[in-house]
């Protein structure tokens, strides 16, 4: 941080004017504020790009992956129904509709 210092040669007295000191601080703070605002805008742009890239492929799931997810959910449901039905089917085919117990 820089501020103005006046040196009086005759008495070697150092003095700094408050006005120039605060003016320089204000200028530097304004510069820092502008840099931070610029950085914030860049970070928000990066976040927007990340969000868009994540959602871009959202609707293009592979059918096989979808079947595996459905199969896992159905298997978990069957495990939760074991006590009430006293049976457990270990083979799950998501293409076939599942009947309740």
Protein backbone atom coordinates (compact mmCIF):
# COMPACT_ATOMS: atom_id res chain seq x y z
CA UNK A 1 0.00 0.00 0.00
CA UNK A 2 1.39 3.41 -0.93
CA UNK A 3 0.69 6.83 0.49
CA UNK A 4 2.25 10.23 0.21
CA UNK A 5 4.92 11.28 2.69
CA UNK A 6 6.26 14.81 2.87
CA UNK A 7 9.83 15.31 4.07
CA UNK A 8 10.77 18.74 5.37
CA UNK A 9 14.50 19.16 4.80
CA UNK A 10 14.95 21.92 7.35
CA UNK A 11 13.73 20.07 10.41
CA UNK A 12 13.68 16.51 8.99
CA UNK A 13 10.05 16.28 10.00
CA UNK A 14 8.01 13.51 8.34
CA UNK A 15 4.31 14.05 7.86
CA UNK A 16 1.68 12.28 5.86
CA UNK A 17 -1.50 14.04 4.96
CA UNK A 18 -4.58 12.16 6.05
CA UNK A 19 -6.46 13.23 2.96
CA UNK A 20 -3.99 11.75 0.49
CA UNK A 21 -3.61 8.66 2.67
CA UNK A 22 -7.37 7.95 2.64
CA UNK A 23 -7.67 8.87 -1.03
CA UNK A 24 -5.01 6.31 -1.91
CA UNK A 25 -6.64 3.68 0.27
CA UNK A 26 -10.00 4.37 -1.37
CA UNK A 27 -8.47 4.10 -4.84
CA UNK A 28 -6.79 0.81 -4.00
CA UNK A 29 -9.95 -0.55 -2.41
CA UNK A 30 -11.96 0.41 -5.50
CA UNK A 31 -9.39 -1.37 -7.68
CA UNK A 32 -9.60 -4.48 -5.49
CA UNK A 33 -13.41 -4.31 -5.54
CA UNK A 34 -13.45 -4.18 -9.35
CA UNK A 35 -11.02 -7.10 -9.56
CA UNK A 36 -13.17 -9.14 -7.17
CA UNK A 37 -16.33 -8.33 -9.13
CA UNK A 38 -14.59 -9.40 -12.33
CA UNK A 39 -13.41 -12.61 -10.67
CA UNK A 40 -16.92 -13.27 -9.35
CA UNK A 41 -18.37 -12.89 -12.85
CA UNK A 42 -15.77 -15.30 -14.23
CA UNK A 43 -16.53 -17.83 -11.48
CA UNK A 44 -20.27 -17.58 -12.17
CA UNK A 45 -19.59 -18.14 -15.88
CA UNK A 46 -17.55 -21.24 -15.02
CA UNK A 47 -20.36 -22.50 -12.77
CA UNK A 48 -22.88 -21.95 -15.56
CA UNK A 49 -20.69 -23.91 -17.99
CA UNK A 50 -20.34 -26.78 -15.52
CA UNK A 51 -24.10 -26.83 -14.90
CA UNK A 52 -24.87 -26.80 -18.62
CA UNK A 53 -22.40 -29.60 -19.35
CA UNK A 54 -23.87 -31.71 -16.55
CA UNK A 55 -27.45 -31.27 -17.77
CA UNK A 56 -26.59 -31.57 -21.46
CA UNK A 57 -26.33 -35.38 -21.31
CA UNK A 58 -29.14 -35.80 -18.78
CA UNK A 59 -31.77 -36.84 -21.33
CA UNK A 60 -29.53 -39.27 -23.19
CA UNK A 61 -29.26 -42.13 -20.72
CA UNK A 62 -28.45 -45.51 -22.15
CA UNK A 63 -31.39 -47.93 -22.14
CA UNK A 64 -29.22 -50.63 -20.56
CA UNK A 65 -28.29 -48.32 -17.71
CA UNK A 66 -31.96 -47.43 -17.19
CA UNK A 67 -32.90 -51.13 -17.07
CA UNK A 68 -30.17 -51.79 -14.51
CA UNK A 69 -31.43 -48.96 -12.32
CA UNK A 70 -35.02 -50.22 -12.54
CA UNK A 71 -33.83 -53.76 -11.80
CA UNK A 72 -31.95 -52.61 -8.73
CA UNK A 73 -34.95 -50.67 -7.45
CA UNK A 74 -37.25 -53.64 -8.04
CA UNK A 75 -34.80 -55.99 -6.30
CA UNK A 76 -34.64 -53.66 -3.31
CA UNK A 77 -38.43 -53.57 -3.18
CA UNK A 78 -38.57 -57.36 -3.27
CA UNK A 79 -36.08 -57.55 -0.39
CA UNK A 80 -38.27 -55.22 1.62
CA UNK A 81 -41.34 -57.40 0.91
CA UNK A 82 -39.70 -60.71 1.92
CA UNK A 83 -41.16 -60.67 5.42
CA UNK A 84 -44.72 -60.10 4.26
CA UNK A 85 -44.63 -62.64 1.41
CA UNK A 86 -42.16 -65.22 2.71
CA UNK A 87 -40.64 -65.53 -0.74
CA UNK A 88 -37.73 -63.99 -2.61
CA UNK A 89 -37.29 -64.00 -6.35
CA UNK A 90 -33.63 -63.35 -7.11
CA UNK A 91 -34.03 -63.00 -10.87
CA UNK A 92 -35.33 -59.61 -11.84
CA UNK A 93 -36.28 -58.81 -15.41
CA UNK A 94 -37.29 -55.16 -15.69
CA UNK A 95 -38.95 -55.83 -19.04
CA UNK A 96 -41.54 -58.01 -17.33
CA UNK A 97 -44.10 -56.31 -15.14
CA UNK A 98 -43.79 -57.28 -11.52
CA UNK A 99 -46.81 -58.51 -9.60
CA UNK A 100 -47.18 -57.62 -5.97
CA UNK A 101 -47.17 -60.35 -3.33
